[in-house]
Amino acid sequence: MKSSAVVETLQLAKHDERGRRIADAQEKEALLTGYAASGMTQRAFAQREGINPFTFAGWLRQKRLAQAQAKEPPIGGPRFVELGFPRVATGYCLEVVLPDGLIVRGSEARPLAALVRGLR
């Protein structure tokens, strides 16, 4: 049984030359929201709504990628900035904290930056 939001959009849906339904962005978002609330598997939900399961999986992948990219910091700024610090008693004057919590310490910026790049 199809949800009421989907039934309404099905009546207005466009079709391509092969008779396949073309879902617009609003319909895709309604379907993805319905899926998240359904508790069903992707395949079962897609079959219930009359969507090719591979097409539906692609929509989910696109949405998840867009959400992941929105959480990442913008690219373009400097990743490493060389700063001059006085040498301290421990012998380390530079410290890099990686996103996973790993702390890398060193006394020279270039080798430290190369090590961090190698760890990524």
N, C-alpha and C. Protein backbone atom coordinates (compact mmCIF):
# COMPACT_ATOMS: atom_id res chain seq x y z
N MET A 1 0.84 -1.18 0.00
CA MET A 1 0.00 0.00 0.00
C MET A 1 0.89 1.24 0.00
N LYS A 2 0.67 2.10 -0.96
CA LYS A 2 1.50 3.30 -1.10
C LYS A 2 1.02 4.39 -0.16
N SER A 3 1.97 5.20 0.34
CA SER A 3 1.61 6.29 1.23
C SER A 3 0.81 7.35 0.46
N SER A 4 0.02 8.14 1.19
CA SER A 4 -0.85 9.12 0.54
C SER A 4 -0.07 10.19 -0.20
N ALA A 5 1.08 10.62 0.35
CA ALA A 5 1.89 11.63 -0.33
C ALA A 5 2.40 11.10 -1.66
N VAL A 6 2.76 9.83 -1.67
CA VAL A 6 3.27 9.24 -2.90
C VAL A 6 2.15 9.04 -3.91
N VAL A 7 0.94 8.64 -3.44
CA VAL A 7 -0.18 8.44 -4.35
C VAL A 7 -0.53 9.75 -5.04
N GLU A 8 -0.50 10.86 -4.29
CA GLU A 8 -0.79 12.16 -4.90
C GLU A 8 0.23 12.50 -5.97
N THR A 9 1.49 12.25 -5.71
CA THR A 9 2.51 12.59 -6.69
C THR A 9 2.48 11.65 -7.88
N LEU A 10 2.06 10.40 -7.67
CA LEU A 10 1.98 9.45 -8.78
C LEU A 10 0.98 9.92 -9.83
N GLN A 11 -0.11 10.54 -9.38
CA GLN A 11 -1.12 10.99 -10.31
C GLN A 11 -0.60 12.14 -11.18
N LEU A 12 0.36 12.90 -10.70
CA LEU A 12 0.90 14.03 -11.44
C LEU A 12 2.26 13.73 -12.07
N ALA A 13 2.76 12.54 -11.86
CA ALA A 13 4.11 12.21 -12.27
C ALA A 13 4.28 12.21 -13.78
N LYS A 14 5.48 12.57 -14.21
CA LYS A 14 5.83 12.53 -15.62
C LYS A 14 6.43 11.16 -15.92
N HIS A 15 6.37 10.77 -17.18
CA HIS A 15 6.93 9.50 -17.60
C HIS A 15 7.84 9.73 -18.80
N ASP A 16 8.87 8.89 -18.92
CA ASP A 16 9.76 9.01 -20.07
C ASP A 16 9.19 8.21 -21.24
N GLU A 17 9.96 8.16 -22.34
CA GLU A 17 9.47 7.50 -23.55
C GLU A 17 9.27 6.00 -23.38
N ARG A 18 9.90 5.40 -22.37
CA ARG A 18 9.75 3.97 -22.12
C ARG A 18 8.66 3.68 -21.08
N GLY A 19 7.98 4.73 -20.62
CA GLY A 19 6.90 4.56 -19.66
C GLY A 19 7.35 4.56 -18.21
N ARG A 20 8.62 4.80 -17.99
CA ARG A 20 9.12 4.84 -16.62
C ARG A 20 8.77 6.18 -15.98
N ARG A 21 8.39 6.14 -14.72
CA ARG A 21 8.03 7.35 -14.01
C ARG A 21 9.27 8.17 -13.70
N ILE A 22 9.21 9.48 -13.87
CA ILE A 22 10.30 10.39 -13.54
C ILE A 22 9.93 11.10 -12.25
N ALA A 23 10.73 10.90 -11.21
CA ALA A 23 10.45 11.52 -9.92
C ALA A 23 11.18 12.85 -9.82
N ASP A 24 10.47 13.88 -9.41
CA ASP A 24 11.12 15.18 -9.22
C ASP A 24 11.74 15.22 -7.82
N ALA A 25 12.45 16.27 -7.52
CA ALA A 25 13.17 16.37 -6.25
C ALA A 25 12.23 16.31 -5.05
N GLN A 26 11.06 16.91 -5.17
CA GLN A 26 10.11 16.93 -4.06
C GLN A 26 9.60 15.50 -3.79
N GLU A 27 9.31 14.76 -4.85
CA GLU A 27 8.83 13.39 -4.68
C GLU A 27 9.92 12.50 -4.08
N LYS A 28 11.16 12.67 -4.58
CA LYS A 28 12.27 11.88 -4.03
C LYS A 28 12.43 12.14 -2.53
N GLU A 29 12.38 13.41 -2.15
CA GLU A 29 12.53 13.76 -0.74
C GLU A 29 11.40 13.16 0.09
N ALA A 30 10.16 13.19 -0.43
CA ALA A 30 9.03 12.59 0.29
C ALA A 30 9.23 11.08 0.45
N LEU A 31 9.72 10.44 -0.59
CA LEU A 31 9.96 9.00 -0.53
C LEU A 31 11.08 8.67 0.46
N LEU A 32 12.17 9.44 0.43
CA LEU A 32 13.28 9.19 1.34
C LEU A 32 12.87 9.42 2.80
N THR A 33 12.06 10.43 3.03
CA THR A 33 11.55 10.68 4.38
C THR A 33 10.63 9.56 4.82
N GLY A 34 9.76 9.11 3.90
CA GLY A 34 8.87 7.99 4.19
C GLY A 34 9.63 6.72 4.50
N TYR A 35 10.70 6.48 3.76
CA TYR A 35 11.53 5.30 4.00
C TYR A 35 12.16 5.36 5.39
N ALA A 36 12.70 6.52 5.77
CA ALA A 36 13.36 6.65 7.07
C ALA A 36 12.39 6.35 8.21
N ALA A 37 11.11 6.72 8.04
CA ALA A 37 10.11 6.50 9.09
C ALA A 37 9.48 5.12 9.02
N SER A 38 9.68 4.39 7.92
CA SER A 38 8.97 3.13 7.72
C SER A 38 9.52 1.96 8.51
N GLY A 39 10.84 1.95 8.76
CA GLY A 39 11.45 0.82 9.43
C GLY A 39 11.60 -0.39 8.52
N MET A 40 11.36 -0.21 7.23
CA MET A 40 11.44 -1.30 6.26
C MET A 40 12.85 -1.35 5.65
N THR A 41 13.14 -2.46 4.97
CA THR A 41 14.38 -2.53 4.22
C THR A 41 14.24 -1.67 2.97
N GLN A 42 15.37 -1.32 2.36
CA GLN A 42 15.32 -0.51 1.14
C GLN A 42 14.53 -1.23 0.06
N ARG A 43 14.82 -2.53 -0.13
CA ARG A 43 14.16 -3.31 -1.18
C ARG A 43 12.64 -3.38 -0.96
N ALA A 44 12.24 -3.67 0.27
CA ALA A 44 10.81 -3.79 0.55
C ALA A 44 10.09 -2.46 0.34
N PHE A 45 10.71 -1.37 0.81
CA PHE A 45 10.08 -0.06 0.64
C PHE A 45 9.98 0.31 -0.83
N ALA A 46 11.06 0.10 -1.58
CA ALA A 46 11.06 0.43 -3.00
C ALA A 46 10.00 -0.38 -3.75
N GLN A 47 9.89 -1.65 -3.44
CA GLN A 47 8.88 -2.48 -4.11
C GLN A 47 7.48 -2.02 -3.74
N ARG A 48 7.27 -1.68 -2.48
CA ARG A 48 5.94 -1.19 -2.05
C ARG A 48 5.56 0.07 -2.79
N GLU A 49 6.55 0.96 -3.04
CA GLU A 49 6.27 2.24 -3.69
C GLU A 49 6.36 2.16 -5.21
N GLY A 50 6.73 1.00 -5.75
CA GLY A 50 6.79 0.85 -7.20
C GLY A 50 8.03 1.47 -7.82
N ILE A 51 9.13 1.45 -7.09
CA ILE A 51 10.39 2.03 -7.55
C ILE A 51 11.40 0.91 -7.72
N ASN A 52 12.24 1.02 -8.73
CA ASN A 52 13.32 0.05 -8.90
C ASN A 52 14.21 0.15 -7.67
N PRO A 53 14.49 -0.98 -7.00
CA PRO A 53 15.31 -0.94 -5.79
C PRO A 53 16.71 -0.34 -6.01
N PHE A 54 17.28 -0.55 -7.19
CA PHE A 54 18.61 0.02 -7.47
C PHE A 54 18.53 1.54 -7.63
N THR A 55 17.46 2.01 -8.23
CA THR A 55 17.24 3.46 -8.34
C THR A 55 17.09 4.07 -6.96
N PHE A 56 16.29 3.42 -6.12
CA PHE A 56 16.07 3.94 -4.77
C PHE A 56 17.37 3.94 -3.96
N ALA A 57 18.17 2.89 -4.08
CA ALA A 57 19.46 2.84 -3.38
C ALA A 57 20.37 3.97 -3.85
N GLY A 58 20.32 4.30 -5.14
CA GLY A 58 21.11 5.41 -5.68
C GLY A 58 20.67 6.74 -5.08
N TRP A 59 19.37 6.92 -4.93
CA TRP A 59 18.87 8.15 -4.31
C TRP A 59 19.38 8.28 -2.88
N LEU A 60 19.34 7.17 -2.13
CA LEU A 60 19.82 7.19 -0.75
C LEU A 60 21.31 7.51 -0.69
N ARG A 61 22.08 6.90 -1.60
CA ARG A 61 23.52 7.15 -1.64
C ARG A 61 23.81 8.62 -1.93
N GLN A 62 23.09 9.20 -2.89
CA GLN A 62 23.28 10.61 -3.23
C GLN A 62 22.98 11.51 -2.04
N LYS A 63 21.89 11.20 -1.33
CA LYS A 63 21.51 12.01 -0.18
C LYS A 63 22.56 11.90 0.93
N ARG A 64 23.04 10.69 1.19
CA ARG A 64 24.03 10.49 2.25
C ARG A 64 25.35 11.18 1.89
N LEU A 65 25.75 11.12 0.63
CA LEU A 65 26.97 11.81 0.20
C LEU A 65 26.84 13.31 0.37
N ALA A 66 25.68 13.86 0.00
CA ALA A 66 25.44 15.30 0.14
C ALA A 66 25.49 15.70 1.61
N GLN A 67 24.93 14.87 2.48
CA GLN A 67 24.96 15.18 3.92
C GLN A 67 26.39 15.10 4.45
N ALA A 68 27.16 14.12 4.02
CA ALA A 68 28.54 13.98 4.47
C ALA A 68 29.39 15.15 4.00
N GLN A 69 29.19 15.59 2.75
CA GLN A 69 29.96 16.71 2.23
C GLN A 69 29.59 18.01 2.92
N ALA A 70 28.35 18.13 3.36
CA ALA A 70 27.92 19.34 4.06
C ALA A 70 28.58 19.45 5.43
N LYS A 71 28.96 18.31 6.02
CA LYS A 71 29.59 18.31 7.34
C LYS A 71 31.09 18.57 7.28
N GLU A 72 31.71 18.36 6.13
CA GLU A 72 33.15 18.55 5.99
C GLU A 72 33.50 20.03 5.93
N PRO A 73 34.65 20.40 6.48
CA PRO A 73 35.06 21.81 6.37
C PRO A 73 35.39 22.15 4.93
N PRO A 74 35.22 23.39 4.54
CA PRO A 74 35.51 23.78 3.16
C PRO A 74 36.97 23.56 2.80
N ILE A 75 37.20 23.14 1.57
CA ILE A 75 38.56 22.89 1.08
C ILE A 75 39.11 24.19 0.51
N GLY A 76 40.39 24.39 0.64
CA GLY A 76 41.00 25.58 0.05
C GLY A 76 41.88 26.34 1.02
N GLY A 77 41.57 26.23 2.30
CA GLY A 77 42.38 26.90 3.29
C GLY A 77 43.64 26.11 3.57
N PRO A 78 44.60 26.70 4.24
CA PRO A 78 45.84 25.97 4.53
C PRO A 78 45.58 24.83 5.50
N ARG A 79 46.20 23.70 5.23
CA ARG A 79 46.06 22.55 6.12
C ARG A 79 47.14 22.58 7.20
N PHE A 80 48.34 23.07 6.83
CA PHE A 80 49.43 23.17 7.78
C PHE A 80 49.96 24.59 7.74
N VAL A 81 50.18 25.13 8.89
CA VAL A 81 50.76 26.46 8.99
C VAL A 81 52.01 26.32 9.84
N GLU A 82 53.14 26.71 9.29
CA GLU A 82 54.40 26.59 10.01
C GLU A 82 54.52 27.77 10.97
N LEU A 83 54.73 27.44 12.23
CA LEU A 83 54.88 28.45 13.26
C LEU A 83 56.22 28.26 13.94
N GLY A 84 56.79 29.32 14.38
CA GLY A 84 58.06 29.23 15.10
C GLY A 84 57.81 29.27 16.60
N PHE A 85 58.28 28.23 17.30
CA PHE A 85 58.14 28.16 18.75
C PHE A 85 59.51 27.91 19.35
N PRO A 86 59.72 28.40 20.54
CA PRO A 86 60.99 28.10 21.19
C PRO A 86 61.04 26.63 21.60
N ARG A 87 62.21 26.05 21.59
CA ARG A 87 62.38 24.65 21.98
C ARG A 87 62.13 24.54 23.49
N VAL A 88 61.34 23.55 23.85
CA VAL A 88 61.01 23.36 25.27
C VAL A 88 61.81 22.20 25.83
N ALA A 89 61.73 21.99 27.12
CA ALA A 89 62.53 20.98 27.80
C ALA A 89 62.26 19.56 27.28
N THR A 90 61.04 19.28 26.85
CA THR A 90 60.70 17.94 26.37
C THR A 90 61.30 17.65 25.01
N GLY A 91 61.75 18.68 24.31
CA GLY A 91 62.30 18.49 22.97
C GLY A 91 61.25 18.66 21.89
N TYR A 92 59.97 18.72 22.28
CA TYR A 92 58.89 18.88 21.30
C TYR A 92 58.32 20.29 21.43
N CYS A 93 58.18 20.95 20.31
CA CYS A 93 57.55 22.27 20.38
C CYS A 93 56.35 22.36 19.45
N LEU A 94 56.10 21.31 18.64
CA LEU A 94 54.94 21.30 17.75
C LEU A 94 54.07 20.12 18.09
N GLU A 95 52.76 20.33 17.99
CA GLU A 95 51.81 19.25 18.29
C GLU A 95 50.67 19.34 17.29
N VAL A 96 50.31 18.20 16.69
CA VAL A 96 49.20 18.14 15.75
C VAL A 96 48.19 17.15 16.31
N VAL A 97 46.92 17.60 16.47
CA VAL A 97 45.85 16.72 16.93
C VAL A 97 45.00 16.38 15.71
N LEU A 98 44.95 15.10 15.36
CA LEU A 98 44.19 14.64 14.20
C LEU A 98 42.72 14.46 14.57
N PRO A 99 41.83 14.45 13.57
CA PRO A 99 40.39 14.34 13.85
C PRO A 99 40.01 13.11 14.67
N ASP A 100 40.76 12.01 14.56
CA ASP A 100 40.43 10.81 15.31
C ASP A 100 41.00 10.83 16.73
N GLY A 101 41.65 11.94 17.13
CA GLY A 101 42.17 12.09 18.47
C GLY A 101 43.65 11.78 18.62
N LEU A 102 44.28 11.25 17.57
CA LEU A 102 45.70 10.94 17.62
C LEU A 102 46.51 12.24 17.72
N ILE A 103 47.49 12.26 18.61
CA ILE A 103 48.33 13.44 18.79
C ILE A 103 49.74 13.09 18.30
N VAL A 104 50.26 13.92 17.41
CA VAL A 104 51.61 13.73 16.86
C VAL A 104 52.42 14.95 17.28
N ARG A 105 53.61 14.68 17.87
CA ARG A 105 54.46 15.77 18.33
C ARG A 105 55.81 15.69 17.65
N GLY A 106 56.42 16.83 17.47
CA GLY A 106 57.74 16.89 16.86
C GLY A 106 58.38 18.24 17.08
N SER A 107 59.63 18.35 16.68
CA SER A 107 60.35 19.60 16.87
C SER A 107 60.55 20.36 15.57
N GLU A 108 60.32 19.68 14.41
CA GLU A 108 60.49 20.34 13.11
C GLU A 108 59.21 20.19 12.31
N ALA A 109 58.78 21.30 11.69
CA ALA A 109 57.49 21.33 11.02
C ALA A 109 57.41 20.44 9.79
N ARG A 110 58.43 20.49 8.92
CA ARG A 110 58.35 19.73 7.67
C ARG A 110 58.26 18.22 7.89
N PRO A 111 59.13 17.62 8.69
CA PRO A 111 59.00 16.17 8.92
C PRO A 111 57.68 15.81 9.62
N LEU A 112 57.23 16.69 10.52
CA LEU A 112 55.97 16.44 11.21
C LEU A 112 54.81 16.47 10.22
N ALA A 113 54.80 17.45 9.32
CA ALA A 113 53.75 17.54 8.31
C ALA A 113 53.79 16.31 7.39
N ALA A 114 54.97 15.86 7.01
CA ALA A 114 55.09 14.67 6.17
C ALA A 114 54.56 13.43 6.88
N LEU A 115 54.83 13.32 8.16
CA LEU A 115 54.33 12.19 8.94
C LEU A 115 52.80 12.21 9.01
N VAL A 116 52.24 13.37 9.26
CA VAL A 116 50.78 13.49 9.35
C VAL A 116 50.15 13.15 8.00
N ARG A 117 50.74 13.63 6.91
CA ARG A 117 50.22 13.29 5.56
C ARG A 117 50.27 11.79 5.35
N GLY A 118 51.34 11.15 5.79
CA GLY A 118 51.47 9.71 5.64
C GLY A 118 50.46 8.93 6.44
N LEU A 119 50.04 9.48 7.57
CA LEU A 119 49.06 8.81 8.43
C LEU A 119 47.64 8.91 7.89
N ARG A 120 47.37 9.88 7.04
CA ARG A 120 46.01 10.09 6.52
C ARG A 120 45.70 9.12 5.49
